[in-house]
PDB file of N, CA and C in Angstrom:
ATOM      1  N   MET A   1      18.072  -4.052 -26.299  1.00  0.00           N
ATOM      2  CA  MET A   1      17.034  -4.373 -25.343  1.00  0.00           C
ATOM      3  C   MET A   1      16.483  -5.772 -25.608  1.00  0.00           C
ATOM      4  N   LEU A   2      16.000  -6.034 -26.817  1.00  0.00           N
ATOM      5  CA  LEU A   2      15.416  -7.334 -27.118  1.00  0.00           C
ATOM      6  C   LEU A   2      16.443  -8.457 -27.104  1.00  0.00           C
ATOM      7  N   GLU A   3      17.674  -8.135 -27.489  1.00  0.00           N
ATOM      8  CA  GLU A   3      18.691  -9.173 -27.586  1.00  0.00           C
ATOM      9  C   GLU A   3      18.985  -9.820 -26.236  1.00  0.00           C
ATOM     10  N   HIS A   4      18.867  -9.050 -25.159  1.00  0.00           N
ATOM     11  CA  HIS A   4      19.214  -9.554 -23.832  1.00  0.00           C
ATOM     12  C   HIS A   4      18.056 -10.250 -23.133  1.00  0.00           C
ATOM     13  N   ALA A   5      16.842  -9.999 -23.560  1.00  0.00           N
ATOM     14  CA  ALA A   5      15.672 -10.591 -22.908  1.00  0.00           C
ATOM     15  C   ALA A   5      15.522 -12.047 -23.315  1.00  0.00           C
ATOM     16  N   THR A   6      15.289 -12.891 -22.331  1.00  0.00           N
ATOM     17  CA  THR A   6      15.093 -14.318 -22.611  1.00  0.00           C
ATOM     18  C   THR A   6      13.627 -14.710 -22.557  1.00  0.00           C
ATOM     19  N   SER A   7      12.775 -13.796 -22.114  1.00  0.00           N
ATOM     20  CA  SER A   7      11.337 -14.065 -22.076  1.00  0.00           C
ATOM     21  C   SER A   7      10.582 -12.752 -22.166  1.00  0.00           C
ATOM     22  N   ARG A   8       9.294 -12.858 -22.479  1.00  0.00           N
ATOM     23  CA  ARG A   8       8.447 -11.677 -22.553  1.00  0.00           C
ATOM     24  C   ARG A   8       8.338 -11.016 -21.185  1.00  0.00           C
ATOM     25  N   VAL A   9       8.333 -11.800 -20.127  1.00  0.00           N
ATOM     26  CA  VAL A   9       8.243 -11.266 -18.772  1.00  0.00           C
ATOM     27  C   VAL A   9       9.486 -10.441 -18.440  1.00  0.00           C
ATOM     28  N   GLN A  10      10.651 -10.946 -18.788  1.00  0.00           N
ATOM     29  CA  GLN A  10      11.879 -10.205 -18.535  1.00  0.00           C
ATOM     30  C   GLN A  10      11.889  -8.901 -19.331  1.00  0.00           C
ATOM     31  N   LEU A  11      11.401  -8.937 -20.547  1.00  0.00           N
ATOM     32  CA  LEU A  11      11.309  -7.733 -21.351  1.00  0.00           C
ATOM     33  C   LEU A  11      10.358  -6.723 -20.700  1.00  0.00           C
ATOM     34  N   ALA A  12       9.260  -7.204 -20.158  1.00  0.00           N
ATOM     35  CA  ALA A  12       8.311  -6.319 -19.475  1.00  0.00           C
ATOM     36  C   ALA A  12       8.943  -5.674 -18.253  1.00  0.00           C
ATOM     37  N   VAL A  13       9.733  -6.425 -17.515  1.00  0.00           N
ATOM     38  CA  VAL A  13      10.408  -5.881 -16.335  1.00  0.00           C
ATOM     39  C   VAL A  13      11.424  -4.821 -16.742  1.00  0.00           C
ATOM     40  N   GLU A  14      12.190  -5.083 -17.780  1.00  0.00           N
ATOM     41  CA  GLU A  14      13.220  -4.144 -18.210  1.00  0.00           C
ATOM     42  C   GLU A  14      12.653  -2.856 -18.790  1.00  0.00           C
ATOM     43  N   THR A  15      11.417  -2.885 -19.274  1.00  0.00           N
ATOM     44  CA  THR A  15      10.813  -1.698 -19.885  1.00  0.00           C
ATOM     45  C   THR A  15       9.733  -1.072 -19.019  1.00  0.00           C
ATOM     46  N   CYS A  16       9.637  -1.491 -17.783  1.00  0.00           N
ATOM     47  CA  CYS A  16       8.696  -0.917 -16.827  1.00  0.00           C
ATOM     48  C   CYS A  16       7.246  -1.249 -17.158  1.00  0.00           C
ATOM     49  N   ALA A  17       7.003  -2.309 -17.857  1.00  0.00           N
ATOM     50  CA  ALA A  17       5.637  -2.707 -18.156  1.00  0.00           C
ATOM     51  C   ALA A  17       5.136  -3.713 -17.128  1.00  0.00           C
ATOM     52  N   ALA A  18       5.937  -3.983 -16.107  1.00  0.00           N
ATOM     53  CA  ALA A  18       5.537  -4.889 -15.033  1.00  0.00           C
ATOM     54  C   ALA A  18       5.630  -4.124 -13.705  1.00  0.00           C
ATOM     55  N   PRO A  19       4.566  -4.123 -12.920  1.00  0.00           N
ATOM     56  CA  PRO A  19       4.602  -3.415 -11.642  1.00  0.00           C
ATOM     57  C   PRO A  19       5.407  -4.173 -10.591  1.00  0.00           C
ATOM     58  N   VAL A  20       5.743  -3.476  -9.522  1.00  0.00           N
ATOM     59  CA  VAL A  20       6.457  -4.083  -8.400  1.00  0.00           C
ATOM     60  C   VAL A  20       5.456  -4.294  -7.271  1.00  0.00           C
ATOM     61  N   THR A  21       5.340  -5.522  -6.788  1.00  0.00           N
ATOM     62  CA  THR A  21       4.443  -5.819  -5.679  1.00  0.00           C
ATOM     63  C   THR A  21       5.270  -6.094  -4.439  1.00  0.00           C
ATOM     64  N   THR A  22       4.939  -5.385  -3.365  1.00  0.00           N
ATOM     65  CA  THR A  22       5.622  -5.557  -2.090  1.00  0.00           C
ATOM     66  C   THR A  22       4.604  -6.021  -1.065  1.00  0.00           C
ATOM     67  N   GLU A  23       4.900  -7.121  -0.385  1.00  0.00           N
ATOM     68  CA  GLU A  23       3.997  -7.638   0.632  1.00  0.00           C
ATOM     69  C   GLU A  23       4.724  -7.760   1.965  1.00  0.00           C
ATOM     70  N   SER A  24       4.012  -7.399   3.022  1.00  0.00           N
ATOM     71  CA  SER A  24       4.549  -7.527   4.367  1.00  0.00           C
ATOM     72  C   SER A  24       3.390  -7.811   5.304  1.00  0.00           C
ATOM     73  N   GLY A  25       3.305  -9.026   5.764  1.00  0.00           N
ATOM     74  CA  GLY A  25       2.181  -9.387   6.629  1.00  0.00           C
ATOM     75  C   GLY A  25       0.882  -9.310   5.863  1.00  0.00           C
ATOM     76  N   LYS A  26      -0.022  -8.464   6.334  1.00  0.00           N
ATOM     77  CA  LYS A  26      -1.323  -8.302   5.673  1.00  0.00           C
ATOM     78  C   LYS A  26      -1.340  -7.131   4.697  1.00  0.00           C
ATOM     79  N   HIS A  27      -0.264  -6.406   4.616  1.00  0.00           N
ATOM     80  CA  HIS A  27      -0.188  -5.220   3.766  1.00  0.00           C
ATOM     81  C   HIS A  27       0.430  -5.571   2.405  1.00  0.00           C
ATOM     82  N   ARG A  28      -0.200  -5.103   1.334  1.00  0.00           N
ATOM     83  CA  ARG A  28       0.292  -5.364  -0.017  1.00  0.00           C
ATOM     84  C   ARG A  28       0.256  -4.057  -0.801  1.00  0.00           C
ATOM     85  N   THR A  29       1.363  -3.716  -1.463  1.00  0.00           N
ATOM     86  CA  THR A  29       1.469  -2.483  -2.228  1.00  0.00           C
ATOM     87  C   THR A  29       1.972  -2.796  -3.637  1.00  0.00           C
ATOM     88  N   VAL A  30       1.354  -2.192  -4.620  1.00  0.00           N
ATOM     89  CA  VAL A  30       1.794  -2.322  -6.001  1.00  0.00           C
ATOM     90  C   VAL A  30       2.274  -0.941  -6.438  1.00  0.00           C
ATOM     91  N   THR A  31       3.531  -0.861  -6.878  1.00  0.00           N
ATOM     92  CA  THR A  31       4.109   0.429  -7.226  1.00  0.00           C
ATOM     93  C   THR A  31       4.711   0.408  -8.629  1.00  0.00           C
ATOM     94  N   PHE A  32       5.137   1.567  -9.041  1.00  0.00           N
ATOM     95  CA  PHE A  32       5.776   1.797 -10.332  1.00  0.00           C
ATOM     96  C   PHE A  32       7.242   1.399 -10.233  1.00  0.00           C
ATOM     97  N   ARG A  33       7.740   0.711 -11.218  1.00  0.00           N
ATOM     98  CA  ARG A  33       9.134   0.269 -11.224  1.00  0.00           C
ATOM     99  C   ARG A  33      10.025   1.418 -11.698  1.00  0.00           C
ATOM    100  N   HIS A  34      11.046   1.752 -10.905  1.00  0.00           N
ATOM    101  CA  HIS A  34      11.940   2.852 -11.250  1.00  0.00           C
ATOM    102  C   HIS A  34      13.281   2.379 -11.818  1.00  0.00           C
ATOM    103  N   ALA A  35      13.761   1.216 -11.437  1.00  0.00           N
ATOM    104  CA  ALA A  35      15.058   0.706 -11.908  1.00  0.00           C
ATOM    105  C   ALA A  35      14.855  -0.033 -13.226  1.00  0.00           C
ATOM    106  N   VAL A  36      14.825   0.726 -14.319  1.00  0.00           N
ATOM    107  CA  VAL A  36      14.565   0.156 -15.638  1.00  0.00           C
ATOM    108  C   VAL A  36      15.450   0.829 -16.684  1.00  0.00           C
ATOM    109  N   ASN A  37      15.402   0.311 -17.871  1.00  0.00           N
ATOM    110  CA  ASN A  37      16.031   0.951 -19.015  1.00  0.00           C
ATOM    111  C   ASN A  37      15.111   2.109 -19.414  1.00  0.00           C
ATOM    112  N   ARG A  38      15.487   3.324 -19.059  1.00  0.00           N
ATOM    113  CA  ARG A  38      14.613   4.488 -19.244  1.00  0.00           C
ATOM    114  C   ARG A  38      14.315   4.775 -20.726  1.00  0.00           C
ATOM    115  N   HIS A  39      15.275   4.570 -21.586  1.00  0.00           N
ATOM    116  CA  HIS A  39      15.041   4.810 -23.014  1.00  0.00           C
ATOM    117  C   HIS A  39      14.044   3.797 -23.573  1.00  0.00           C
ATOM    118  N   ALA A  40      14.177   2.548 -23.167  1.00  0.00           N
ATOM    119  CA  ALA A  40      13.239   1.515 -23.620  1.00  0.00           C
ATOM    120  C   ALA A  40      11.839   1.797 -23.083  1.00  0.00           C
ATOM    121  N   ARG A  41      11.761   2.222 -21.815  1.00  0.00           N
ATOM    122  CA  ARG A  41      10.453   2.532 -21.232  1.00  0.00           C
ATOM    123  C   ARG A  41       9.805   3.678 -22.001  1.00  0.00           C
ATOM    124  N   GLN A  42      10.544   4.736 -22.267  1.00  0.00           N
ATOM    125  CA  GLN A  42       9.981   5.882 -22.981  1.00  0.00           C
ATOM    126  C   GLN A  42       9.519   5.485 -24.373  1.00  0.00           C
ATOM    127  N   ALA A  43      10.304   4.663 -25.051  1.00  0.00           N
ATOM    128  CA  ALA A  43       9.918   4.202 -26.389  1.00  0.00           C
ATOM    129  C   ALA A  43       8.636   3.378 -26.331  1.00  0.00           C
ATOM    130  N   LEU A  44       8.560   2.453 -25.378  1.00  0.00           N
ATOM    131  CA  LEU A  44       7.378   1.607 -25.258  1.00  0.00           C
ATOM    132  C   LEU A  44       6.141   2.429 -24.907  1.00  0.00           C
ATOM    133  N   MET A  45       6.271   3.358 -23.972  1.00  0.00           N
ATOM    134  CA  MET A  45       5.124   4.177 -23.571  1.00  0.00           C
ATOM    135  C   MET A  45       4.681   5.088 -24.709  1.00  0.00           C
ATOM    136  N   THR A  46       5.622   5.569 -25.515  1.00  0.00           N
ATOM    137  CA  THR A  46       5.275   6.398 -26.670  1.00  0.00           C
ATOM    138  C   THR A  46       4.510   5.569 -27.700  1.00  0.00           C
ATOM    139  N   VAL A  47       4.980   4.356 -27.960  1.00  0.00           N
ATOM    140  CA  VAL A  47       4.278   3.464 -28.893  1.00  0.00           C
ATOM    141  C   VAL A  47       2.875   3.170 -28.376  1.00  0.00           C
ATOM    142  N   ALA A  48       2.768   2.829 -27.097  1.00  0.00           N
ATOM    143  CA  ALA A  48       1.459   2.507 -26.517  1.00  0.00           C
ATOM    144  C   ALA A  48       0.518   3.706 -26.583  1.00  0.00           C
ATOM    145  N   ASP A  49       1.028   4.888 -26.253  1.00  0.00           N
ATOM    146  CA  ASP A  49       0.184   6.082 -26.245  1.00  0.00           C
ATOM    147  C   ASP A  49      -0.284   6.456 -27.643  1.00  0.00           C
ATOM    148  N   THR A  50       0.624   6.460 -28.604  1.00  0.00           N
ATOM    149  CA  THR A  50       0.239   6.871 -29.954  1.00  0.00           C
ATOM    150  C   THR A  50      -0.557   5.789 -30.680  1.00  0.00           C
ATOM    151  N   SER A  51      -0.408   4.545 -30.283  1.00  0.00           N
ATOM    152  CA  SER A  51      -1.120   3.455 -30.971  1.00  0.00           C
ATOM    153  C   SER A  51      -2.618   3.522 -30.762  1.00  0.00           C
ATOM    154  N   ARG A  52      -3.050   4.131 -29.673  1.00  0.00           N
ATOM    155  CA  ARG A  52      -4.486   4.174 -29.401  1.00  0.00           C
ATOM    156  C   ARG A  52      -5.230   5.033 -30.421  1.00  0.00           C
ATOM    157  N   HIS A  53      -4.503   5.820 -31.201  1.00  0.00           N
ATOM    158  CA  HIS A  53      -5.126   6.647 -32.234  1.00  0.00           C
ATOM    159  C   HIS A  53      -5.271   5.906 -33.562  1.00  0.00           C
ATOM    160  N   GLY A  54      -4.479   4.849 -33.775  1.00  0.00           N
ATOM    161  CA  GLY A  54      -4.510   4.180 -35.067  1.00  0.00           C
ATOM    162  C   GLY A  54      -4.820   2.698 -35.025  1.00  0.00           C
ATOM    163  N   SER A  55      -4.858   2.125 -33.834  1.00  0.00           N
ATOM    164  CA  SER A  55      -5.110   0.695 -33.720  1.00  0.00           C
ATOM    165  C   SER A  55      -6.432   0.463 -32.994  1.00  0.00           C
ATOM    166  N   GLU A  56      -7.305  -0.291 -33.644  1.00  0.00           N
ATOM    167  CA  GLU A  56      -8.635  -0.522 -33.070  1.00  0.00           C
ATOM    168  C   GLU A  56      -8.558  -1.236 -31.721  1.00  0.00           C
ATOM    169  N   TRP A  57      -7.765  -2.313 -31.645  1.00  0.00           N
ATOM    170  CA  TRP A  57      -7.718  -3.061 -30.388  1.00  0.00           C
ATOM    171  C   TRP A  57      -7.036  -2.252 -29.284  1.00  0.00           C
ATOM    172  N   ALA A  58      -6.051  -1.427 -29.632  1.00  0.00           N
ATOM    173  CA  ALA A  58      -5.402  -0.578 -28.634  1.00  0.00           C
ATOM    174  C   ALA A  58      -6.378   0.481 -28.123  1.00  0.00           C
ATOM    175  N   THR A  59      -7.192   1.015 -29.008  1.00  0.00           N
ATOM    176  CA  THR A  59      -8.204   1.995 -28.600  1.00  0.00           C
ATOM    177  C   THR A  59      -9.203   1.371 -27.643  1.00  0.00           C
ATOM    178  N   VAL A  60      -9.623   0.153 -27.919  1.00  0.00           N
ATOM    179  CA  VAL A  60     -10.580  -0.535 -27.053  1.00  0.00           C
ATOM    180  C   VAL A  60      -9.984  -0.755 -25.666  1.00  0.00           C
ATOM    181  N   ILE A  61      -8.747  -1.225 -25.600  1.00  0.00           N
ATOM    182  CA  ILE A  61      -8.109  -1.452 -24.295  1.00  0.00           C
ATOM    183  C   ILE A  61      -7.980  -0.136 -23.540  1.00  0.00           C
ATOM    184  N   TYR A  62      -7.516   0.896 -24.213  1.00  0.00           N
ATOM    185  CA  TYR A  62      -7.334   2.200 -23.565  1.00  0.00           C
ATOM    186  C   TYR A  62      -8.677   2.746 -23.061  1.00  0.00           C
ATOM    187  N   ASN A  63      -9.700   2.738 -23.914  1.00  0.00           N
ATOM    188  CA  ASN A  63     -11.007   3.272 -23.520  1.00  0.00           C
ATOM    189  C   ASN A  63     -11.645   2.465 -22.406  1.00  0.00           C
ATOM    190  N   ASP A  64     -11.512   1.147 -22.441  1.00  0.00           N
ATOM    191  CA  ASP A  64     -12.048   0.304 -21.361  1.00  0.00           C
ATOM    192  C   ASP A  64     -11.352   0.608 -20.040  1.00  0.00           C
ATOM    193  N   THR A  65     -10.046   0.803 -20.109  1.00  0.00           N
ATOM    194  CA  THR A  65      -9.283   1.111 -18.900  1.00  0.00           C
ATOM    195  C   THR A  65      -9.707   2.460 -18.337  1.00  0.00           C
ATOM    196  N   ARG A  66      -9.863   3.448 -19.202  1.00  0.00           N
ATOM    197  CA  ARG A  66     -10.314   4.768 -18.756  1.00  0.00           C
ATOM    198  C   ARG A  66     -11.732   4.691 -18.182  1.00  0.00           C
ATOM    199  N   ALA A  67     -12.580   3.865 -18.784  1.00  0.00           N
ATOM    200  CA  ALA A  67     -13.954   3.707 -18.288  1.00  0.00           C
ATOM    201  C   ALA A  67     -13.979   3.079 -16.900  1.00  0.00           C
ATOM    202  N   HIS A  68     -12.930   2.318 -16.569  1.00  0.00           N
ATOM    203  CA  HIS A  68     -12.829   1.717 -15.234  1.00  0.00           C
ATOM    204  C   HIS A  68     -12.235   2.698 -14.219  1.00  0.00           C
ATOM    205  N   GLY A  69     -12.084   3.960 -14.606  1.00  0.00           N
ATOM    206  CA  GLY A  69     -11.643   4.989 -13.678  1.00  0.00           C
ATOM    207  C   GLY A  69     -10.150   5.213 -13.596  1.00  0.00           C
ATOM    208  N   LYS A  70      -9.378   4.624 -14.491  1.00  0.00           N
ATOM    209  CA  LYS A  70      -7.918   4.815 -14.480  1.00  0.00           C
ATOM    210  C   LYS A  70      -7.570   6.114 -15.201  1.00  0.00           C
ATOM    211  N   ARG A  71      -6.532   6.787 -14.735  1.00  0.00           N
ATOM    212  CA  ARG A  71      -6.059   8.003 -15.382  1.00  0.00           C
ATOM    213  C   ARG A  71      -5.260   7.653 -16.639  1.00  0.00           C
ATOM    214  N   HIS A  72      -4.994   8.667 -17.470  1.00  0.00           N
ATOM    215  CA  HIS A  72      -4.297   8.453 -18.742  1.00  0.00           C
ATOM    216  C   HIS A  72      -2.955   7.723 -18.581  1.00  0.00           C
ATOM    217  N   PRO A  73      -2.048   8.159 -17.684  1.00  0.00           N
ATOM    218  CA  PRO A  73      -0.764   7.449 -17.587  1.00  0.00           C
ATOM    219  C   PRO A  73      -0.922   5.981 -17.195  1.00  0.00           C
ATOM    220  N   HIS A  74      -1.877   5.695 -16.317  1.00  0.00           N
ATOM    221  CA  HIS A  74      -2.111   4.312 -15.904  1.00  0.00           C
ATOM    222  C   HIS A  74      -2.675   3.505 -17.068  1.00  0.00           C
ATOM    223  N   ALA A  75      -3.577   4.108 -17.832  1.00  0.00           N
ATOM    224  CA  ALA A  75      -4.159   3.410 -18.987  1.00  0.00           C
ATOM    225  C   ALA A  75      -3.087   3.080 -20.022  1.00  0.00           C
ATOM    226  N   VAL A  76      -2.146   3.990 -20.223  1.00  0.00           N
ATOM    227  CA  VAL A  76      -1.048   3.731 -21.170  1.00  0.00           C
ATOM    228  C   VAL A  76      -0.159   2.618 -20.635  1.00  0.00           C
ATOM    229  N   ARG A  77       0.106   2.602 -19.315  1.00  0.00           N
ATOM    230  CA  ARG A  77       0.925   1.529 -18.735  1.00  0.00           C
ATOM    231  C   ARG A  77       0.217   0.181 -18.816  1.00  0.00           C
ATOM    232  N   ILE A  78      -1.107   0.167 -18.837  1.00  0.00           N
ATOM    233  CA  ILE A  78      -1.853  -1.082 -19.010  1.00  0.00           C
ATOM    234  C   ILE A  78      -1.803  -1.527 -20.470  1.00  0.00           C
ATOM    235  N   LEU A  79      -1.804  -0.580 -21.385  1.00  0.00           N
ATOM    236  CA  LEU A  79      -1.738  -0.897 -22.817  1.00  0.00           C
ATOM    237  C   LEU A  79      -0.355  -1.385 -23.230  1.00  0.00           C
ATOM    238  N   ALA A  80       0.678  -0.917 -22.567  1.00  0.00           N
ATOM    239  CA  ALA A  80       2.060  -1.265 -22.935  1.00  0.00           C
ATOM    240  C   ALA A  80       2.338  -2.772 -22.928  1.00  0.00           C
ATOM    241  N   PRO A  81       1.929  -3.534 -21.894  1.00  0.00           N
ATOM    242  CA  PRO A  81       2.196  -4.981 -21.942  1.00  0.00           C
ATOM    243  C   PRO A  81       1.506  -5.691 -23.110  1.00  0.00           C
ATOM    244  N   ALA A  82       0.350  -5.170 -23.533  1.00  0.00           N
ATOM    245  CA  ALA A  82      -0.317  -5.763 -24.698  1.00  0.00           C
ATOM    246  C   ALA A  82       0.563  -5.585 -25.931  1.00  0.00           C
ATOM    247  N   TRP A  83       1.177  -4.402 -26.068  1.00  0.00           N
ATOM    248  CA  TRP A  83       2.083  -4.179 -27.190  1.00  0.00           C
ATOM    249  C   TRP A  83       3.343  -5.025 -27.061  1.00  0.00           C
ATOM    250  N   LEU A  84       3.810  -5.226 -25.831  1.00  0.00           N
ATOM    251  CA  LEU A  84       4.995  -6.080 -25.652  1.00  0.00           C
ATOM    252  C   LEU A  84       4.728  -7.509 -26.105  1.00  0.00           C
ATOM    253  N   ARG A  85       3.511  -8.004 -25.857  1.00  0.00           N
ATOM    254  CA  ARG A  85       3.167  -9.350 -26.333  1.00  0.00           C
ATOM    255  C   ARG A  85       3.258  -9.412 -27.854  1.00  0.00           C
ATOM    256  N   VAL A  86       2.768  -8.362 -28.517  1.00  0.00           N
ATOM    257  CA  VAL A  86       2.819  -8.318 -29.979  1.00  0.00           C
ATOM    258  C   VAL A  86       4.267  -8.206 -30.455  1.00  0.00           C
ATOM    259  N   ILE A  87       5.022  -7.297 -29.852  1.00  0.00           N
ATOM    260  CA  ILE A  87       6.430  -7.099 -30.237  1.00  0.00           C
ATOM    261  C   ILE A  87       7.228  -8.371 -30.022  1.00  0.00           C
ATOM    262  N   TRP A  88       7.013  -9.028 -28.869  1.00  0.00           N
ATOM    263  CA  TRP A  88       7.741 -10.257 -28.558  1.00  0.00           C
ATOM    264  C   TRP A  88       7.406 -11.349 -29.584  1.00  0.00           C
ATOM    265  N   ALA A  89       6.122 -11.489 -29.908  1.00  0.00           N
ATOM    266  CA  ALA A  89       5.717 -12.515 -30.882  1.00  0.00           C
ATOM    267  C   ALA A  89       6.330 -12.233 -32.248  1.00  0.00           C
ATOM    268  N   CYS A  90       6.318 -10.987 -32.675  1.00  0.00           N
ATOM    269  CA  CYS A  90       6.905 -10.633 -33.976  1.00  0.00           C
ATOM    270  C   CYS A  90       8.414 -10.882 -33.985  1.00  0.00           C
ATOM    271  N   TRP A  91       9.073 -10.522 -32.882  1.00  0.00           N
ATOM    272  CA  TRP A  91      10.524 -10.695 -32.821  1.00  0.00           C
ATOM    273  C   TRP A  91      10.900 -12.172 -32.803  1.00  0.00           C
ATOM    274  N   ARG A  92      10.189 -12.980 -32.023  1.00  0.00           N
ATOM    275  CA  ARG A  92      10.513 -14.408 -31.910  1.00  0.00           C
ATOM    276  C   ARG A  92      10.231 -15.164 -33.204  1.00  0.00           C
ATOM    277  N   THR A  93       9.171 -14.781 -33.911  1.00  0.00           N
ATOM    278  CA  THR A  93       8.815 -15.476 -35.145  1.00  0.00           C
ATOM    279  C   THR A  93       9.417 -14.822 -36.378  1.00  0.00           C
ATOM    280  N   LYS A  94      10.094 -13.670 -36.176  1.00  0.00           N
ATOM    281  CA  LYS A  94      10.715 -12.918 -37.264  1.00  0.00           C
ATOM    282  C   LYS A  94       9.705 -12.566 -38.359  1.00  0.00           C
ATOM    283  N   THR A  95       8.541 -12.095 -37.911  1.00  0.00           N
ATOM    284  CA  THR A  95       7.491 -11.668 -38.834  1.00  0.00           C
ATOM    285  C   THR A  95       7.135 -10.213 -38.572  1.00  0.00           C
ATOM    286  N   ARG A  96       6.506  -9.608 -39.557  1.00  0.00           N
ATOM    287  CA  ARG A  96       6.032  -8.243 -39.406  1.00  0.00           C
ATOM    288  C   ARG A  96       4.739  -8.230 -38.612  1.00  0.00           C
ATOM    289  N   TYR A  97       4.437  -7.083 -38.024  1.00  0.00           N
ATOM    290  CA  TYR A  97       3.171  -6.920 -37.319  1.00  0.00           C
ATOM    291  C   TYR A  97       2.033  -6.850 -38.329  1.00  0.00           C
ATOM    292  N   ALA A  98       1.019  -7.639 -38.097  1.00  0.00           N
ATOM    293  CA  ALA A  98      -0.193  -7.607 -38.910  1.00  0.00           C
ATOM    294  C   ALA A  98      -1.372  -7.440 -37.955  1.00  0.00           C
ATOM    295  N   PRO A  99      -2.179  -6.407 -38.111  1.00  0.00           N
ATOM    296  CA  PRO A  99      -3.260  -6.148 -37.167  1.00  0.00           C
ATOM    297  C   PRO A  99      -4.282  -7.275 -37.051  1.00  0.00           C
ATOM    298  N   ALA A 100      -4.562  -7.991 -38.109  1.00  0.00           N
ATOM    299  CA  ALA A 100      -5.618  -9.014 -38.077  1.00  0.00           C
ATOM    300  C   ALA A 100      -5.401 -10.100 -37.022  1.00  0.00           C
ATOM    301  N   PRO A 101      -4.231 -10.721 -36.898  1.00  0.00           N
ATOM    302  CA  PRO A 101      -4.066 -11.776 -35.894  1.00  0.00           C
ATOM    303  C   PRO A 101      -4.156 -11.276 -34.451  1.00  0.00           C
ATOM    304  N   HIS A 102      -3.999  -9.969 -34.244  1.00  0.00           N
ATOM    305  CA  HIS A 102      -4.021  -9.418 -32.898  1.00  0.00           C
ATOM    306  C   HIS A 102      -5.348  -8.707 -32.667  1.00  0.00           C
ATOM    307  N   GLY A 103      -6.436  -9.431 -32.922  1.00  0.00           N
ATOM    308  CA  GLY A 103      -7.761  -8.840 -32.830  1.00  0.00           C
ATOM    309  C   GLY A 103      -8.138  -8.401 -31.424  1.00  0.00           C
ATOM    310  N   THR A 104      -9.141  -7.553 -31.360  1.00  0.00           N
ATOM    311  CA  THR A 104      -9.597  -6.972 -30.095  1.00  0.00           C
ATOM    312  C   THR A 104     -10.015  -8.043 -29.099  1.00  0.00           C
ATOM    313  N   ASN A 105     -10.741  -9.044 -29.533  1.00  0.00           N
ATOM    314  CA  ASN A 105     -11.222 -10.059 -28.592  1.00  0.00           C
ATOM    315  C   ASN A 105     -10.082 -10.829 -27.946  1.00  0.00           C
ATOM    316  N   LYS A 106      -9.055 -11.172 -28.713  1.00  0.00           N
ATOM    317  CA  LYS A 106      -7.923 -11.903 -28.153  1.00  0.00           C
ATOM    318  C   LYS A 106      -7.221 -11.075 -27.099  1.00  0.00           C
ATOM    319  N   ILE A 107      -6.948  -9.814 -27.386  1.00  0.00           N
ATOM    320  CA  ILE A 107      -6.220  -8.948 -26.461  1.00  0.00           C
ATOM    321  C   ILE A 107      -7.054  -8.680 -25.219  1.00  0.00           C
ATOM    322  N   ASN A 108      -8.345  -8.437 -25.384  1.00  0.00           N
ATOM    323  CA  ASN A 108      -9.203  -8.177 -24.227  1.00  0.00           C
ATOM    324  C   ASN A 108      -9.284  -9.364 -23.302  1.00  0.00           C
ATOM    325  N   LYS A 109      -9.321 -10.571 -23.864  1.00  0.00           N
ATOM    326  CA  LYS A 109      -9.368 -11.768 -23.011  1.00  0.00           C
ATOM    327  C   LYS A 109      -8.077 -11.905 -22.218  1.00  0.00           C
ATOM    328  N   VAL A 110      -6.953 -11.617 -22.848  1.00  0.00           N
ATOM    329  CA  VAL A 110      -5.670 -11.697 -22.160  1.00  0.00           C
ATOM    330  C   VAL A 110      -5.608 -10.687 -21.025  1.00  0.00           C
ATOM    331  N   ASN A 111      -6.138  -9.492 -21.236  1.00  0.00           N
ATOM    332  CA  ASN A 111      -6.096  -8.443 -20.219  1.00  0.00           C
ATOM    333  C   ASN A 111      -7.246  -8.524 -19.234  1.00  0.00           C
ATOM    334  N   GLY A 112      -8.164  -9.456 -19.421  1.00  0.00           N
ATOM    335  CA  GLY A 112      -9.284  -9.612 -18.500  1.00  0.00           C
ATOM    336  C   GLY A 112     -10.324  -8.509 -18.618  1.00  0.00           C
ATOM    337  N   LEU A 113     -10.465  -7.913 -19.797  1.00  0.00           N
ATOM    338  CA  LEU A 113     -11.400  -6.825 -19.967  1.00  0.00           C
ATOM    339  C   LEU A 113     -12.737  -7.254 -20.563  1.00  0.00           C
ATOM    340  N   THR A 114     -12.902  -8.530 -20.909  1.00  0.00           N
ATOM    341  CA  THR A 114     -14.177  -8.950 -21.464  1.00  0.00           C
ATOM    342  C   THR A 114     -14.956  -9.723 -20.444  1.00  0.00           C
TER     343      THR A 114
END
């Protein structure tokens, strides 16, 4: 999965962490992407879902999303791209994940939650 991706955006598309927007005239629809690598999507969603129990910044993103009225599956899909940013950075720099550099304030600003 990672070997074929040339950018974080492409990785998000392949793992269903990017929605599909369809526009026609004045009508605009945002839907769930179905043509994806299903195993990669399941792995990413599992990581995102379970991370909210052990990661402070993931818990904040998940709880903020739920407070904005989103259901659990939608909140996990919102958390997944945040994890992809971390995974992509670790893979590109060949470093291990360290919670400190990925603080809550940085992630919230990226997601527009602050």
